[in-house]
């Protein structure tokens, strides 16, 4: 007569062994989520615009940047690179220390870009410097974020009428007009 409890015990031991073996093998397996995460964090080429050394136009510069996931992170990275200045022959056009506080993009392509107080406090220059600072910002945003059709610039959470007294900033700027 066979003892059923021995067969049952043997099945339990075999099941437990298979479970232990599968647990040890699992960390070596690549899960679909891990593959997506590793592919998602890449490098992307960005187009940045800086003032020409002559001060009469903008020059474009390509730069490899870590690809940011969210809108705020992408815009903040672009503005940070503009603040760092060019690696080639251009000149930084944004006032030093300019950073992104908040970014909002509605479904009609209107981006409200809230910049730090350094954007306004640090501006020194006349009409050409003002044009180059705004054009650098608008062209860089437009070149890298095609969903943005209009850009409304505010500073430290408040609307600003102008940066230096020459270009109105109280209304959104059409990106196409600056390209």
C-alpha atoms as a PDB file:
ATOM      1  CA  UNK A   1       0.000   0.000   0.000  1.00  0.00           C
ATOM      2  CA  UNK A   2       1.358   3.367  -1.058  1.00  0.00           C
ATOM      3  CA  UNK A   3       1.429   6.131   1.404  1.00  0.00           C
ATOM      4  CA  UNK A   4      -0.366   9.175  -0.080  1.00  0.00           C
ATOM      5  CA  UNK A   5       1.305  11.612   2.288  1.00  0.00           C
ATOM      6  CA  UNK A   6       4.741  10.707   0.901  1.00  0.00           C
ATOM      7  CA  UNK A   7       3.588  11.468  -2.660  1.00  0.00           C
ATOM      8  CA  UNK A   8       2.036  14.730  -1.438  1.00  0.00           C
ATOM      9  CA  UNK A   9       5.209  15.673   0.407  1.00  0.00           C
ATOM     10  CA  UNK A  10       7.294  14.919  -2.679  1.00  0.00           C
ATOM     11  CA  UNK A  11       5.051  17.141  -4.816  1.00  0.00           C
ATOM     12  CA  UNK A  12       5.317  19.966  -2.282  1.00  0.00           C
ATOM     13  CA  UNK A  13       9.128  19.670  -2.213  1.00  0.00           C
ATOM     14  CA  UNK A  14       9.270  19.681  -6.032  1.00  0.00           C
ATOM     15  CA  UNK A  15       6.962  22.712  -6.237  1.00  0.00           C
ATOM     16  CA  UNK A  16       9.019  24.548  -3.626  1.00  0.00           C
ATOM     17  CA  UNK A  17      12.254  23.761  -5.502  1.00  0.00           C
ATOM     18  CA  UNK A  18      10.812  25.016  -8.796  1.00  0.00           C
ATOM     19  CA  UNK A  19       9.641  28.204  -7.108  1.00  0.00           C
ATOM     20  CA  UNK A  20      13.101  28.795  -5.574  1.00  0.00           C
ATOM     21  CA  UNK A  21      14.762  28.191  -8.925  1.00  0.00           C
ATOM     22  CA  UNK A  22      12.434  30.648 -10.702  1.00  0.00           C
ATOM     23  CA  UNK A  23      13.115  33.335  -8.065  1.00  0.00           C
ATOM     24  CA  UNK A  24      16.872  33.092  -8.610  1.00  0.00           C
ATOM     25  CA  UNK A  25      16.487  33.248 -12.383  1.00  0.00           C
ATOM     26  CA  UNK A  26      14.078  36.230 -12.369  1.00  0.00           C
ATOM     27  CA  UNK A  27      16.593  39.019 -11.648  1.00  0.00           C
ATOM     28  CA  UNK A  28      18.617  37.991 -14.698  1.00  0.00           C
ATOM     29  CA  UNK A  29      15.601  38.314 -16.952  1.00  0.00           C
ATOM     30  CA  UNK A  30      14.909  41.704 -18.567  1.00  0.00           C
ATOM     31  CA  UNK A  31      11.430  42.955 -17.887  1.00  0.00           C
ATOM     32  CA  UNK A  32       9.588  45.016 -20.511  1.00  0.00           C
ATOM     33  CA  UNK A  33       9.421  48.029 -18.154  1.00  0.00           C
ATOM     34  CA  UNK A  34      13.184  48.053 -17.676  1.00  0.00           C
ATOM     35  CA  UNK A  35      13.771  48.036 -21.427  1.00  0.00           C
ATOM     36  CA  UNK A  36      11.486  51.033 -21.907  1.00  0.00           C
ATOM     37  CA  UNK A  37      13.224  52.977 -19.126  1.00  0.00           C
ATOM     38  CA  UNK A  38      16.692  52.379 -20.509  1.00  0.00           C
ATOM     39  CA  UNK A  39      15.676  53.392 -24.018  1.00  0.00           C
ATOM     40  CA  UNK A  40      13.753  56.441 -22.804  1.00  0.00           C
ATOM     41  CA  UNK A  41      16.776  58.147 -21.276  1.00  0.00           C
ATOM     42  CA  UNK A  42      18.807  59.114 -24.297  1.00  0.00           C
ATOM     43  CA  UNK A  43      20.593  62.015 -25.834  1.00  0.00           C
ATOM     44  CA  UNK A  44      18.870  64.397 -28.189  1.00  0.00           C
ATOM     45  CA  UNK A  45      20.227  67.088 -30.452  1.00  0.00           C
ATOM     46  CA  UNK A  46      18.910  70.572 -29.687  1.00  0.00           C
ATOM     47  CA  UNK A  47      19.199  73.775 -31.685  1.00  0.00           C
ATOM     48  CA  UNK A  48      20.148  76.822 -29.616  1.00  0.00           C
ATOM     49  CA  UNK A  49      20.378  80.436 -30.756  1.00  0.00           C
ATOM     50  CA  UNK A  50      22.938  82.918 -29.474  1.00  0.00           C
ATOM     51  CA  UNK A  51      23.908  86.450 -30.444  1.00  0.00           C
ATOM     52  CA  UNK A  52      26.509  86.760 -33.181  1.00  0.00           C
ATOM     53  CA  UNK A  53      29.790  88.343 -32.026  1.00  0.00           C
ATOM     54  CA  UNK A  54      28.945  91.381 -34.164  1.00  0.00           C
ATOM     55  CA  UNK A  55      25.730  91.842 -32.151  1.00  0.00           C
ATOM     56  CA  UNK A  56      23.546  92.260 -35.215  1.00  0.00           C
ATOM     57  CA  UNK A  57      22.023  88.778 -35.608  1.00  0.00           C
ATOM     58  CA  UNK A  58      21.646  85.319 -34.115  1.00  0.00           C
ATOM     59  CA  UNK A  59      23.673  82.238 -34.893  1.00  0.00           C
ATOM     60  CA  UNK A  60      22.474  78.691 -34.363  1.00  0.00           C
ATOM     61  CA  UNK A  61      24.401  76.033 -32.510  1.00  0.00           C
ATOM     62  CA  UNK A  62      23.591  72.332 -32.254  1.00  0.00           C
ATOM     63  CA  UNK A  63      24.111  70.742 -28.881  1.00  0.00           C
ATOM     64  CA  UNK A  64      23.642  67.201 -27.615  1.00  0.00           C
ATOM     65  CA  UNK A  65      21.529  67.199 -24.456  1.00  0.00           C
ATOM     66  CA  UNK A  66      20.121  64.518 -22.186  1.00  0.00           C
ATOM     67  CA  UNK A  67      16.563  64.007 -23.319  1.00  0.00           C
ATOM     68  CA  UNK A  68      14.173  65.340 -20.675  1.00  0.00           C
ATOM     69  CA  UNK A  69      10.825  63.661 -20.117  1.00  0.00           C
ATOM     70  CA  UNK A  70       8.420  66.434 -19.114  1.00  0.00           C
ATOM     71  CA  UNK A  71       7.687  69.809 -20.689  1.00  0.00           C
ATOM     72  CA  UNK A  72       9.035  71.779 -17.727  1.00  0.00           C
ATOM     73  CA  UNK A  73      12.265  69.776 -17.738  1.00  0.00           C
ATOM     74  CA  UNK A  74      12.755  70.216 -21.495  1.00  0.00           C
ATOM     75  CA  UNK A  75      12.212  73.966 -21.422  1.00  0.00           C
ATOM     76  CA  UNK A  76      14.326  74.384 -18.275  1.00  0.00           C
ATOM     77  CA  UNK A  77      17.174  72.460 -19.922  1.00  0.00           C
ATOM     78  CA  UNK A  78      17.010  74.643 -23.048  1.00  0.00           C
ATOM     79  CA  UNK A  79      17.023  77.881 -21.041  1.00  0.00           C
ATOM     80  CA  UNK A  80      19.843  76.557 -18.861  1.00  0.00           C
ATOM     81  CA  UNK A  81      21.929  75.866 -21.964  1.00  0.00           C
ATOM     82  CA  UNK A  82      21.205  79.387 -23.252  1.00  0.00           C
ATOM     83  CA  UNK A  83      22.312  80.750 -19.879  1.00  0.00           C
ATOM     84  CA  UNK A  84      25.560  78.720 -20.042  1.00  0.00           C
ATOM     85  CA  UNK A  85      26.370  80.365 -23.337  1.00  0.00           C
ATOM     86  CA  UNK A  86      27.668  79.112 -26.650  1.00  0.00           C
ATOM     87  CA  UNK A  87      30.479  76.644 -27.180  1.00  0.00           C
ATOM     88  CA  UNK A  88      31.245  78.087 -30.594  1.00  0.00           C
ATOM     89  CA  UNK A  89      31.660  81.647 -31.749  1.00  0.00           C
ATOM     90  CA  UNK A  90      28.473  83.244 -30.427  1.00  0.00           C
ATOM     91  CA  UNK A  91      27.659  85.313 -27.356  1.00  0.00           C
ATOM     92  CA  UNK A  92      25.046  84.577 -24.680  1.00  0.00           C
ATOM     93  CA  UNK A  93      22.049  86.838 -25.238  1.00  0.00           C
ATOM     94  CA  UNK A  94      19.961  86.077 -22.136  1.00  0.00           C
ATOM     95  CA  UNK A  95      20.692  87.959 -18.921  1.00  0.00           C
ATOM     96  CA  UNK A  96      22.961  85.865 -16.684  1.00  0.00           C
ATOM     97  CA  UNK A  97      21.158  83.651 -14.192  1.00  0.00           C
ATOM     98  CA  UNK A  98      17.928  83.394 -16.203  1.00  0.00           C
ATOM     99  CA  UNK A  99      16.097  80.204 -15.242  1.00  0.00           C
ATOM    100  CA  UNK A 100      12.659  78.675 -15.727  1.00  0.00           C
ATOM    101  CA  UNK A 101      10.231  78.846 -12.822  1.00  0.00           C
ATOM    102  CA  UNK A 102       7.085  77.508 -14.480  1.00  0.00           C
ATOM    103  CA  UNK A 103       5.906  76.446 -17.942  1.00  0.00           C
ATOM    104  CA  UNK A 104       2.322  76.056 -19.140  1.00  0.00           C
ATOM    105  CA  UNK A 105       1.263  74.919 -22.622  1.00  0.00           C
ATOM    106  CA  UNK A 106      -2.382  74.922 -23.592  1.00  0.00           C
ATOM    107  CA  UNK A 107      -4.027  72.848 -26.317  1.00  0.00           C
ATOM    108  CA  UNK A 108      -3.874  75.760 -28.810  1.00  0.00           C
ATOM    109  CA  UNK A 109      -0.087  76.054 -28.695  1.00  0.00           C
ATOM    110  CA  UNK A 110       0.161  78.992 -26.286  1.00  0.00           C
ATOM    111  CA  UNK A 111       3.078  78.576 -23.908  1.00  0.00           C
ATOM    112  CA  UNK A 112       3.339  80.776 -20.844  1.00  0.00           C
ATOM    113  CA  UNK A 113       6.958  80.836 -19.761  1.00  0.00           C
ATOM    114  CA  UNK A 114       7.654  82.152 -16.261  1.00  0.00           C
ATOM    115  CA  UNK A 115      11.316  83.133 -15.945  1.00  0.00           C
ATOM    116  CA  UNK A 116      13.291  83.990 -12.827  1.00  0.00           C
ATOM    117  CA  UNK A 117      13.765  87.576 -11.685  1.00  0.00           C
ATOM    118  CA  UNK A 118      17.322  87.480 -13.043  1.00  0.00           C
ATOM    119  CA  UNK A 119      15.833  87.744 -16.535  1.00  0.00           C
ATOM    120  CA  UNK A 120      14.626  91.268 -15.840  1.00  0.00           C
ATOM    121  CA  UNK A 121      17.124  92.417 -13.190  1.00  0.00           C
ATOM    122  CA  UNK A 122      20.129  91.262 -15.180  1.00  0.00           C
ATOM    123  CA  UNK A 123      19.210  92.906 -18.464  1.00  0.00           C
ATOM    124  CA  UNK A 124      21.663  95.575 -19.553  1.00  0.00           C
ATOM    125  CA  UNK A 125      21.494  97.022 -23.009  1.00  0.00           C
ATOM    126  CA  UNK A 126      19.506  98.838 -25.589  1.00  0.00           C
ATOM    127  CA  UNK A 127      17.090  97.854 -28.307  1.00  0.00           C
ATOM    128  CA  UNK A 128      19.518  95.485 -30.087  1.00  0.00           C
ATOM    129  CA  UNK A 129      20.380  93.609 -26.895  1.00  0.00           C
ATOM    130  CA  UNK A 130      16.688  93.353 -26.039  1.00  0.00           C
ATOM    131  CA  UNK A 131      15.827  92.029 -29.497  1.00  0.00           C
ATOM    132  CA  UNK A 132      18.637  89.452 -29.349  1.00  0.00           C
ATOM    133  CA  UNK A 133      17.639  88.242 -25.865  1.00  0.00           C
ATOM    134  CA  UNK A 134      13.995  87.747 -26.836  1.00  0.00           C
ATOM    135  CA  UNK A 135      14.843  86.317 -30.262  1.00  0.00           C
ATOM    136  CA  UNK A 136      17.332  83.867 -28.715  1.00  0.00           C
ATOM    137  CA  UNK A 137      14.658  82.600 -26.350  1.00  0.00           C
ATOM    138  CA  UNK A 138      11.783  82.453 -28.867  1.00  0.00           C
ATOM    139  CA  UNK A 139      13.825  80.837 -31.654  1.00  0.00           C
ATOM    140  CA  UNK A 140      15.294  78.224 -29.321  1.00  0.00           C
ATOM    141  CA  UNK A 141      11.848  77.318 -27.948  1.00  0.00           C
ATOM    142  CA  UNK A 142      10.322  77.283 -31.444  1.00  0.00           C
ATOM    143  CA  UNK A 143      13.098  75.165 -32.957  1.00  0.00           C
ATOM    144  CA  UNK A 144      12.901  72.484 -30.260  1.00  0.00           C
ATOM    145  CA  UNK A 145       9.221  72.427 -29.328  1.00  0.00           C
ATOM    146  CA  UNK A 146       7.149  72.442 -32.522  1.00  0.00           C
ATOM    147  CA  UNK A 147       3.832  72.393 -30.620  1.00  0.00           C
ATOM    148  CA  UNK A 148       4.515  75.919 -29.355  1.00  0.00           C
ATOM    149  CA  UNK A 149       2.936  78.459 -31.682  1.00  0.00           C
ATOM    150  CA  UNK A 150       2.834  81.475 -29.359  1.00  0.00           C
ATOM    151  CA  UNK A 151       4.997  82.361 -26.377  1.00  0.00           C
ATOM    152  CA  UNK A 152       3.953  84.586 -23.484  1.00  0.00           C
ATOM    153  CA  UNK A 153       6.899  85.572 -21.315  1.00  0.00           C
ATOM    154  CA  UNK A 154       6.318  86.484 -17.667  1.00  0.00           C
ATOM    155  CA  UNK A 155       8.888  87.124 -14.982  1.00  0.00           C
ATOM    156  CA  UNK A 156       8.800  85.953 -11.362  1.00  0.00           C
ATOM    157  CA  UNK A 157       5.101  85.115 -11.657  1.00  0.00           C
ATOM    158  CA  UNK A 158       4.085  88.530 -12.985  1.00  0.00           C
ATOM    159  CA  UNK A 159       3.456  89.847 -16.473  1.00  0.00           C
ATOM    160  CA  UNK A 160       6.042  92.253 -17.799  1.00  0.00           C
ATOM    161  CA  UNK A 161       5.328  94.987 -20.336  1.00  0.00           C
ATOM    162  CA  UNK A 162       8.829  94.888 -21.793  1.00  0.00           C
ATOM    163  CA  UNK A 163      12.344  93.722 -21.001  1.00  0.00           C
ATOM    164  CA  UNK A 164      14.233  96.903 -21.832  1.00  0.00           C
ATOM    165  CA  UNK A 165      11.595  99.323 -23.071  1.00  0.00           C
ATOM    166  CA  UNK A 166      11.639  98.519 -26.786  1.00  0.00           C
ATOM    167  CA  UNK A 167       9.744  95.265 -27.402  1.00  0.00           C
ATOM    168  CA  UNK A 168       6.250  94.720 -25.991  1.00  0.00           C
ATOM    169  CA  UNK A 169       5.929  91.531 -23.946  1.00  0.00           C
ATOM    170  CA  UNK A 170       2.448  92.136 -22.551  1.00  0.00           C
ATOM    171  CA  UNK A 171       0.970  89.980 -25.344  1.00  0.00           C
ATOM    172  CA  UNK A 172       2.070  86.539 -26.580  1.00  0.00           C
ATOM    173  CA  UNK A 173       4.688  86.479 -29.330  1.00  0.00           C
ATOM    174  CA  UNK A 174       3.991  84.480 -32.504  1.00  0.00           C
ATOM    175  CA  UNK A 175       6.878  82.036 -32.786  1.00  0.00           C
ATOM    176  CA  UNK A 176       6.658  81.999 -36.607  1.00  0.00           C
ATOM    177  CA  UNK A 177       7.422  85.737 -36.665  1.00  0.00           C
ATOM    178  CA  UNK A 178      10.775  85.091 -34.944  1.00  0.00           C
ATOM    179  CA  UNK A 179      12.053  82.167 -37.002  1.00  0.00           C
END
